[in-house]
Amino acid sequence: MVDSIHREKKIDKEIIFRSIESAITTSARKQYGESASIIISVDRLTGEFSGTKDGIPFTSEELDARIGAQSARQVMTQKIKEAE
């Protein structure tokens, strides 16, 4: 997906990865509260997500199920438009 956006929109891959991380972090904060310390990262080679909430690693189920995909998608769309 990152390669596709990179080619189609001519946006640097690192900007896309940071946007994805930001989108998921924003979505997680809505789920867990603004005071939670949320850190999300995307492996640049595999595309796998990892993250922590208040220093405790998320399980893969939490990353998949609890973080709202729709909210993350909206933030991603906005970030891509800004990058264009």
PDB file of N, CA and C in Angstrom:
ATOM      1  N   MET A   1       0.822  -1.187   0.000  1.00  0.00           N
ATOM      2  CA  MET A   1       0.000   0.000   0.000  1.00  0.00           C
ATOM      3  C   MET A   1       0.872   1.260   0.000  1.00  0.00           C
ATOM      4  N   VAL A   2       1.930   1.238   0.821  1.00  0.00           N
ATOM      5  CA  VAL A   2       2.824   2.397   0.889  1.00  0.00           C
ATOM      6  C   VAL A   2       3.493   2.628  -0.461  1.00  0.00           C
ATOM      7  N   ASP A   3       3.956   1.546  -1.102  1.00  0.00           N
ATOM      8  CA  ASP A   3       4.579   1.681  -2.421  1.00  0.00           C
ATOM      9  C   ASP A   3       3.604   2.262  -3.437  1.00  0.00           C
ATOM     10  N   SER A   4       2.381   1.807  -3.389  1.00  0.00           N
ATOM     11  CA  SER A   4       1.361   2.285  -4.318  1.00  0.00           C
ATOM     12  C   SER A   4       1.109   3.780  -4.146  1.00  0.00           C
ATOM     13  N   ILE A   5       0.931   4.217  -2.903  1.00  0.00           N
ATOM     14  CA  ILE A   5       0.709   5.648  -2.635  1.00  0.00           C
ATOM     15  C   ILE A   5       1.940   6.451  -3.043  1.00  0.00           C
ATOM     16  N   HIS A   6       3.116   5.909  -2.741  1.00  0.00           N
ATOM     17  CA  HIS A   6       4.373   6.574  -3.089  1.00  0.00           C
ATOM     18  C   HIS A   6       4.461   6.809  -4.603  1.00  0.00           C
ATOM     19  N   ARG A   7       4.144   5.794  -5.385  1.00  0.00           N
ATOM     20  CA  ARG A   7       4.225   5.914  -6.846  1.00  0.00           C
ATOM     21  C   ARG A   7       3.118   6.812  -7.414  1.00  0.00           C
ATOM     22  N   GLU A   8       1.891   6.569  -6.981  1.00  0.00           N
ATOM     23  CA  GLU A   8       0.751   7.302  -7.536  1.00  0.00           C
ATOM     24  C   GLU A   8       0.769   8.783  -7.195  1.00  0.00           C
ATOM     25  N   LYS A   9       1.069   9.095  -5.944  1.00  0.00           N
ATOM     26  CA  LYS A   9       0.960  10.475  -5.482  1.00  0.00           C
ATOM     27  C   LYS A   9       2.313  11.165  -5.372  1.00  0.00           C
ATOM     28  N   LYS A  10       3.392  10.390  -5.610  1.00  0.00           N
ATOM     29  CA  LYS A  10       4.753  10.930  -5.539  1.00  0.00           C
ATOM     30  C   LYS A  10       5.046  11.561  -4.170  1.00  0.00           C
ATOM     31  N   ILE A  11       4.678  10.818  -3.127  1.00  0.00           N
ATOM     32  CA  ILE A  11       4.910  11.251  -1.750  1.00  0.00           C
ATOM     33  C   ILE A  11       6.001  10.354  -1.176  1.00  0.00           C
ATOM     34  N   ASP A  12       6.959  10.958  -0.487  1.00  0.00           N
ATOM     35  CA  ASP A  12       8.048  10.209   0.124  1.00  0.00           C
ATOM     36  C   ASP A  12       7.506   9.113   1.052  1.00  0.00           C
ATOM     37  N   LYS A  13       8.106   7.924   0.982  1.00  0.00           N
ATOM     38  CA  LYS A  13       7.635   6.794   1.791  1.00  0.00           C
ATOM     39  C   LYS A  13       7.686   7.089   3.287  1.00  0.00           C
ATOM     40  N   GLU A  14       8.706   7.786   3.733  1.00  0.00           N
ATOM     41  CA  GLU A  14       8.817   8.083   5.160  1.00  0.00           C
ATOM     42  C   GLU A  14       7.653   8.948   5.634  1.00  0.00           C
ATOM     43  N   ILE A  15       7.212   9.870   4.808  1.00  0.00           N
ATOM     44  CA  ILE A  15       6.049  10.701   5.152  1.00  0.00           C
ATOM     45  C   ILE A  15       4.813   9.812   5.285  1.00  0.00           C
ATOM     46  N   ILE A  16       4.682   8.849   4.396  1.00  0.00           N
ATOM     47  CA  ILE A  16       3.537   7.943   4.450  1.00  0.00           C
ATOM     48  C   ILE A  16       3.582   7.105   5.725  1.00  0.00           C
ATOM     49  N   PHE A  17       4.760   6.544   6.048  1.00  0.00           N
ATOM     50  CA  PHE A  17       4.877   5.743   7.267  1.00  0.00           C
ATOM     51  C   PHE A  17       4.574   6.576   8.510  1.00  0.00           C
ATOM     52  N   ARG A  18       5.098   7.788   8.575  1.00  0.00           N
ATOM     53  CA  ARG A  18       4.819   8.654   9.729  1.00  0.00           C
ATOM     54  C   ARG A  18       3.334   8.992   9.815  1.00  0.00           C
ATOM     55  N   SER A  19       2.702   9.173   8.666  1.00  0.00           N
ATOM     56  CA  SER A  19       1.267   9.463   8.647  1.00  0.00           C
ATOM     57  C   SER A  19       0.462   8.278   9.168  1.00  0.00           C
ATOM     58  N   ILE A  20       0.853   7.079   8.784  1.00  0.00           N
ATOM     59  CA  ILE A  20       0.176   5.874   9.275  1.00  0.00           C
ATOM     60  C   ILE A  20       0.326   5.784  10.790  1.00  0.00           C
ATOM     61  N   GLU A  21       1.551   5.984  11.271  1.00  0.00           N
ATOM     62  CA  GLU A  21       1.792   5.932  12.717  1.00  0.00           C
ATOM     63  C   GLU A  21       0.976   6.986  13.456  1.00  0.00           C
ATOM     64  N   SER A  22       0.935   8.181  12.901  1.00  0.00           N
ATOM     65  CA  SER A  22       0.158   9.264  13.506  1.00  0.00           C
ATOM     66  C   SER A  22      -1.330   8.942  13.513  1.00  0.00           C
ATOM     67  N   ALA A  23      -1.812   8.386  12.414  1.00  0.00           N
ATOM     68  CA  ALA A  23      -3.238   8.052  12.318  1.00  0.00           C
ATOM     69  C   ALA A  23      -3.630   6.999  13.350  1.00  0.00           C
ATOM     70  N   ILE A  24      -2.811   5.985  13.501  1.00  0.00           N
ATOM     71  CA  ILE A  24      -3.130   4.925  14.462  1.00  0.00           C
ATOM     72  C   ILE A  24      -2.998   5.454  15.883  1.00  0.00           C
ATOM     73  N   THR A  25      -2.005   6.296  16.132  1.00  0.00           N
ATOM     74  CA  THR A  25      -1.843   6.892  17.462  1.00  0.00           C
ATOM     75  C   THR A  25      -3.056   7.748  17.814  1.00  0.00           C
ATOM     76  N   THR A  26      -3.518   8.568  16.879  1.00  0.00           N
ATOM     77  CA  THR A  26      -4.697   9.401  17.097  1.00  0.00           C
ATOM     78  C   THR A  26      -5.919   8.544  17.402  1.00  0.00           C
ATOM     79  N   SER A  27      -6.087   7.488  16.644  1.00  0.00           N
ATOM     80  CA  SER A  27      -7.215   6.595  16.850  1.00  0.00           C
ATOM     81  C   SER A  27      -7.136   5.906  18.218  1.00  0.00           C
ATOM     82  N   ALA A  28      -5.941   5.482  18.593  1.00  0.00           N
ATOM     83  CA  ALA A  28      -5.754   4.822  19.892  1.00  0.00           C
ATOM     84  C   ALA A  28      -6.036   5.787  21.043  1.00  0.00           C
ATOM     85  N   ARG A  29      -5.640   7.040  20.882  1.00  0.00           N
ATOM     86  CA  ARG A  29      -5.899   8.023  21.937  1.00  0.00           C
ATOM     87  C   ARG A  29      -7.398   8.248  22.134  1.00  0.00           C
ATOM     88  N   LYS A  30      -8.155   8.179  21.051  1.00  0.00           N
ATOM     89  CA  LYS A  30      -9.613   8.290  21.172  1.00  0.00           C
ATOM     90  C   LYS A  30     -10.170   7.106  21.952  1.00  0.00           C
ATOM     91  N   GLN A  31      -9.572   5.950  21.753  1.00  0.00           N
ATOM     92  CA  GLN A  31     -10.028   4.734  22.433  1.00  0.00           C
ATOM     93  C   GLN A  31      -9.625   4.714  23.907  1.00  0.00           C
ATOM     94  N   TYR A  32      -8.375   5.090  24.195  1.00  0.00           N
ATOM     95  CA  TYR A  32      -7.819   4.936  25.545  1.00  0.00           C
ATOM     96  C   TYR A  32      -7.760   6.233  26.346  1.00  0.00           C
ATOM     97  N   GLY A  33      -8.056   7.359  25.719  1.00  0.00           N
ATOM     98  CA  GLY A  33      -8.017   8.634  26.427  1.00  0.00           C
ATOM     99  C   GLY A  33      -6.781   9.427  26.083  1.00  0.00           C
ATOM    100  N   GLU A  34      -6.940  10.723  26.070  1.00  0.00           N
ATOM    101  CA  GLU A  34      -5.857  11.629  25.684  1.00  0.00           C
ATOM    102  C   GLU A  34      -4.676  11.584  26.643  1.00  0.00           C
ATOM    103  N   SER A  35      -4.913  11.191  27.887  1.00  0.00           N
ATOM    104  CA  SER A  35      -3.819  11.177  28.863  1.00  0.00           C
ATOM    105  C   SER A  35      -2.926   9.949  28.726  1.00  0.00           C
ATOM    106  N   ALA A  36      -3.362   8.943  27.969  1.00  0.00           N
ATOM    107  CA  ALA A  36      -2.559   7.732  27.792  1.00  0.00           C
ATOM    108  C   ALA A  36      -1.333   8.041  26.946  1.00  0.00           C
ATOM    109  N   SER A  37      -0.213   7.486  27.326  1.00  0.00           N
ATOM    110  CA  SER A  37       1.013   7.636  26.545  1.00  0.00           C
ATOM    111  C   SER A  37       1.037   6.518  25.501  1.00  0.00           C
ATOM    112  N   ILE A  38       0.713   6.866  24.265  1.00  0.00           N
ATOM    113  CA  ILE A  38       0.596   5.893  23.178  1.00  0.00           C
ATOM    114  C   ILE A  38       1.768   6.083  22.218  1.00  0.00           C
ATOM    115  N   ILE A  39       2.468   5.003  21.930  1.00  0.00           N
ATOM    116  CA  ILE A  39       3.537   5.030  20.934  1.00  0.00           C
ATOM    117  C   ILE A  39       3.259   3.902  19.951  1.00  0.00           C
ATOM    118  N   ILE A  40       3.154   4.233  18.676  1.00  0.00           N
ATOM    119  CA  ILE A  40       2.900   3.268  17.612  1.00  0.00           C
ATOM    120  C   ILE A  40       4.032   3.361  16.601  1.00  0.00           C
ATOM    121  N   SER A  41       4.504   2.214  16.130  1.00  0.00           N
ATOM    122  CA  SER A  41       5.509   2.225  15.069  1.00  0.00           C
ATOM    123  C   SER A  41       5.176   1.169  14.032  1.00  0.00           C
ATOM    124  N   VAL A  42       5.626   1.433  12.806  1.00  0.00           N
ATOM    125  CA  VAL A  42       5.429   0.521  11.688  1.00  0.00           C
ATOM    126  C   VAL A  42       6.811   0.111  11.197  1.00  0.00           C
ATOM    127  N   ASP A  43       7.051  -1.193  11.123  1.00  0.00           N
ATOM    128  CA  ASP A  43       8.312  -1.692  10.595  1.00  0.00           C
ATOM    129  C   ASP A  43       8.376  -1.333   9.114  1.00  0.00           C
ATOM    130  N   ARG A  44       9.405  -0.620   8.720  1.00  0.00           N
ATOM    131  CA  ARG A  44       9.517  -0.130   7.341  1.00  0.00           C
ATOM    132  C   ARG A  44       9.721  -1.252   6.330  1.00  0.00           C
ATOM    133  N   LEU A  45      10.204  -2.411   6.753  1.00  0.00           N
ATOM    134  CA  LEU A  45      10.432  -3.521   5.829  1.00  0.00           C
ATOM    135  C   LEU A  45       9.247  -4.478   5.754  1.00  0.00           C
ATOM    136  N   THR A  46       8.671  -4.802   6.903  1.00  0.00           N
ATOM    137  CA  THR A  46       7.597  -5.802   6.929  1.00  0.00           C
ATOM    138  C   THR A  46       6.206  -5.199   6.947  1.00  0.00           C
ATOM    139  N   GLY A  47       6.083  -3.941   7.385  1.00  0.00           N
ATOM    140  CA  GLY A  47       4.780  -3.304   7.492  1.00  0.00           C
ATOM    141  C   GLY A  47       4.029  -3.684   8.753  1.00  0.00           C
ATOM    142  N   GLU A  48       4.681  -4.419   9.645  1.00  0.00           N
ATOM    143  CA  GLU A  48       4.018  -4.831  10.885  1.00  0.00           C
ATOM    144  C   GLU A  48       3.966  -3.675  11.876  1.00  0.00           C
ATOM    145  N   PHE A  49       2.836  -3.612  12.601  1.00  0.00           N
ATOM    146  CA  PHE A  49       2.615  -2.587  13.604  1.00  0.00           C
ATOM    147  C   PHE A  49       3.056  -3.093  14.973  1.00  0.00           C
ATOM    148  N   SER A  50       3.542  -2.180  15.781  1.00  0.00           N
ATOM    149  CA  SER A  50       3.784  -2.467  17.191  1.00  0.00           C
ATOM    150  C   SER A  50       3.521  -1.181  17.948  1.00  0.00           C
ATOM    151  N   GLY A  51       3.315  -1.317  19.242  1.00  0.00           N
ATOM    152  CA  GLY A  51       3.050  -0.121  20.016  1.00  0.00           C
ATOM    153  C   GLY A  51       2.941  -0.392  21.491  1.00  0.00           C
ATOM    154  N   THR A  52       2.937   0.698  22.245  1.00  0.00           N
ATOM    155  CA  THR A  52       2.789   0.609  23.687  1.00  0.00           C
ATOM    156  C   THR A  52       1.764   1.624  24.169  1.00  0.00           C
ATOM    157  N   LYS A  53       1.147   1.278  25.287  1.00  0.00           N
ATOM    158  CA  LYS A  53       0.253   2.197  25.992  1.00  0.00           C
ATOM    159  C   LYS A  53       0.774   2.280  27.404  1.00  0.00           C
ATOM    160  N   ASP A  54       1.206   3.470  27.792  1.00  0.00           N
ATOM    161  CA  ASP A  54       1.793   3.692  29.116  1.00  0.00           C
ATOM    162  C   ASP A  54       2.934   2.716  29.390  1.00  0.00           C
ATOM    163  N   GLY A  55       3.731   2.431  28.335  1.00  0.00           N
ATOM    164  CA  GLY A  55       4.897   1.566  28.472  1.00  0.00           C
ATOM    165  C   GLY A  55       4.625   0.082  28.382  1.00  0.00           C
ATOM    166  N   ILE A  56       3.359  -0.300  28.263  1.00  0.00           N
ATOM    167  CA  ILE A  56       2.989  -1.720  28.184  1.00  0.00           C
ATOM    168  C   ILE A  56       2.670  -2.047  26.730  1.00  0.00           C
ATOM    169  N   PRO A  57       3.344  -3.065  26.155  1.00  0.00           N
ATOM    170  CA  PRO A  57       3.109  -3.394  24.749  1.00  0.00           C
ATOM    171  C   PRO A  57       1.659  -3.804  24.478  1.00  0.00           C
ATOM    172  N   PHE A  58       1.149  -3.342  23.336  1.00  0.00           N
ATOM    173  CA  PHE A  58      -0.159  -3.797  22.879  1.00  0.00           C
ATOM    174  C   PHE A  58      -0.031  -5.247  22.412  1.00  0.00           C
ATOM    175  N   THR A  59      -1.082  -6.011  22.597  1.00  0.00           N
ATOM    176  CA  THR A  59      -1.125  -7.337  21.983  1.00  0.00           C
ATOM    177  C   THR A  59      -1.560  -7.149  20.534  1.00  0.00           C
ATOM    178  N   SER A  60      -1.336  -8.158  19.720  1.00  0.00           N
ATOM    179  CA  SER A  60      -1.739  -8.036  18.315  1.00  0.00           C
ATOM    180  C   SER A  60      -3.251  -7.883  18.199  1.00  0.00           C
ATOM    181  N   GLU A  61      -4.001  -8.499  19.124  1.00  0.00           N
ATOM    182  CA  GLU A  61      -5.455  -8.367  19.111  1.00  0.00           C
ATOM    183  C   GLU A  61      -5.877  -6.936  19.399  1.00  0.00           C
ATOM    184  N   GLU A  62      -5.189  -6.292  20.326  1.00  0.00           N
ATOM    185  CA  GLU A  62      -5.516  -4.900  20.647  1.00  0.00           C
ATOM    186  C   GLU A  62      -5.230  -3.991  19.461  1.00  0.00           C
ATOM    187  N   LEU A  63      -4.120  -4.219  18.794  1.00  0.00           N
ATOM    188  CA  LEU A  63      -3.792  -3.392  17.629  1.00  0.00           C
ATOM    189  C   LEU A  63      -4.788  -3.607  16.506  1.00  0.00           C
ATOM    190  N   ASP A  64      -5.261  -4.828  16.344  1.00  0.00           N
ATOM    191  CA  ASP A  64      -6.199  -5.139  15.265  1.00  0.00           C
ATOM    192  C   ASP A  64      -7.628  -4.713  15.598  1.00  0.00           C
ATOM    193  N   ALA A  65      -8.092  -5.012  16.801  1.00  0.00           N
ATOM    194  CA  ALA A  65      -9.506  -4.882  17.111  1.00  0.00           C
ATOM    195  C   ALA A  65      -9.897  -3.571  17.763  1.00  0.00           C
ATOM    196  N   ARG A  66      -9.108  -3.064  18.662  1.00  0.00           N
ATOM    197  CA  ARG A  66      -9.560  -1.938  19.468  1.00  0.00           C
ATOM    198  C   ARG A  66      -9.328  -0.587  18.833  1.00  0.00           C
ATOM    199  N   ILE A  67      -8.362  -0.498  17.987  1.00  0.00           N
ATOM    200  CA  ILE A  67      -8.043   0.798  17.399  1.00  0.00           C
ATOM    201  C   ILE A  67      -8.886   0.972  16.152  1.00  0.00           C
ATOM    202  N   GLY A  68      -9.718   1.993  16.151  1.00  0.00           N
ATOM    203  CA  GLY A  68     -10.702   2.189  15.093  1.00  0.00           C
ATOM    204  C   GLY A  68     -10.100   2.428  13.725  1.00  0.00           C
ATOM    205  N   ALA A  69     -10.353   1.512  12.830  1.00  0.00           N
ATOM    206  CA  ALA A  69      -9.822   1.616  11.472  1.00  0.00           C
ATOM    207  C   ALA A  69     -10.396   2.818  10.733  1.00  0.00           C
ATOM    208  N   GLN A  70     -11.650   3.108  10.938  1.00  0.00           N
ATOM    209  CA  GLN A  70     -12.278   4.233  10.248  1.00  0.00           C
ATOM    210  C   GLN A  70     -11.636   5.557  10.654  1.00  0.00           C
ATOM    211  N   SER A  71     -11.401   5.715  11.938  1.00  0.00           N
ATOM    212  CA  SER A  71     -10.770   6.935  12.420  1.00  0.00           C
ATOM    213  C   SER A  71      -9.359   7.054  11.863  1.00  0.00           C
ATOM    214  N   ALA A  72      -8.616   5.960  11.868  1.00  0.00           N
ATOM    215  CA  ALA A  72      -7.256   5.966  11.333  1.00  0.00           C
ATOM    216  C   ALA A  72      -7.274   6.300   9.840  1.00  0.00           C
ATOM    217  N   ARG A  73      -8.245   5.770   9.132  1.00  0.00           N
ATOM    218  CA  ARG A  73      -8.358   6.032   7.688  1.00  0.00           C
ATOM    219  C   ARG A  73      -8.593   7.520   7.430  1.00  0.00           C
ATOM    220  N   GLN A  74      -9.438   8.147   8.224  1.00  0.00           N
ATOM    221  CA  GLN A  74      -9.718   9.564   8.045  1.00  0.00           C
ATOM    222  C   GLN A  74      -8.464  10.411   8.268  1.00  0.00           C
ATOM    223  N   VAL A  75      -7.706  10.075   9.305  1.00  0.00           N
ATOM    224  CA  VAL A  75      -6.478  10.817   9.581  1.00  0.00           C
ATOM    225  C   VAL A  75      -5.477  10.602   8.451  1.00  0.00           C
ATOM    226  N   MET A  76      -5.360   9.354   7.953  1.00  0.00           N
ATOM    227  CA  MET A  76      -4.449   9.053   6.849  1.00  0.00           C
ATOM    228  C   MET A  76      -4.801   9.853   5.609  1.00  0.00           C
ATOM    229  N   THR A  77      -6.077   9.897   5.275  1.00  0.00           N
ATOM    230  CA  THR A  77      -6.530  10.637   4.105  1.00  0.00           C
ATOM    231  C   THR A  77      -6.150  12.107   4.228  1.00  0.00           C
ATOM    232  N   GLN A  78      -6.343  12.671   5.396  1.00  0.00           N
ATOM    233  CA  GLN A  78      -6.003  14.066   5.624  1.00  0.00           C
ATOM    234  C   GLN A  78      -4.490  14.292   5.478  1.00  0.00           C
ATOM    235  N   LYS A  79      -3.688  13.404   6.044  1.00  0.00           N
ATOM    236  CA  LYS A  79      -2.228  13.549   5.979  1.00  0.00           C
ATOM    237  C   LYS A  79      -1.731  13.441   4.538  1.00  0.00           C
ATOM    238  N   ILE A  80      -2.319  12.549   3.753  1.00  0.00           N
ATOM    239  CA  ILE A  80      -1.911  12.404   2.348  1.00  0.00           C
ATOM    240  C   ILE A  80      -2.251  13.667   1.570  1.00  0.00           C
ATOM    241  N   LYS A  81      -3.443  14.220   1.819  1.00  0.00           N
ATOM    242  CA  LYS A  81      -3.819  15.461   1.140  1.00  0.00           C
ATOM    243  C   LYS A  81      -2.864  16.594   1.493  1.00  0.00           C
ATOM    244  N   GLU A  82      -2.448  16.652   2.757  1.00  0.00           N
ATOM    245  CA  GLU A  82      -1.496  17.678   3.175  1.00  0.00           C
ATOM    246  C   GLU A  82      -0.152  17.491   2.481  1.00  0.00           C
ATOM    247  N   ALA A  83       0.288  16.237   2.339  1.00  0.00           N
ATOM    248  CA  ALA A  83       1.571  15.951   1.707  1.00  0.00           C
ATOM    249  C   ALA A  83       1.559  16.275   0.222  1.00  0.00           C
ATOM    250  N   GLU A  84       0.391  16.097  -0.412  1.00  0.00           N
ATOM    251  CA  GLU A  84       0.270  16.421  -1.843  1.00  0.00           C
ATOM    252  C   GLU A  84       0.433  17.914  -2.047  1.00  0.00           C
TER     253      GLU A  84
END
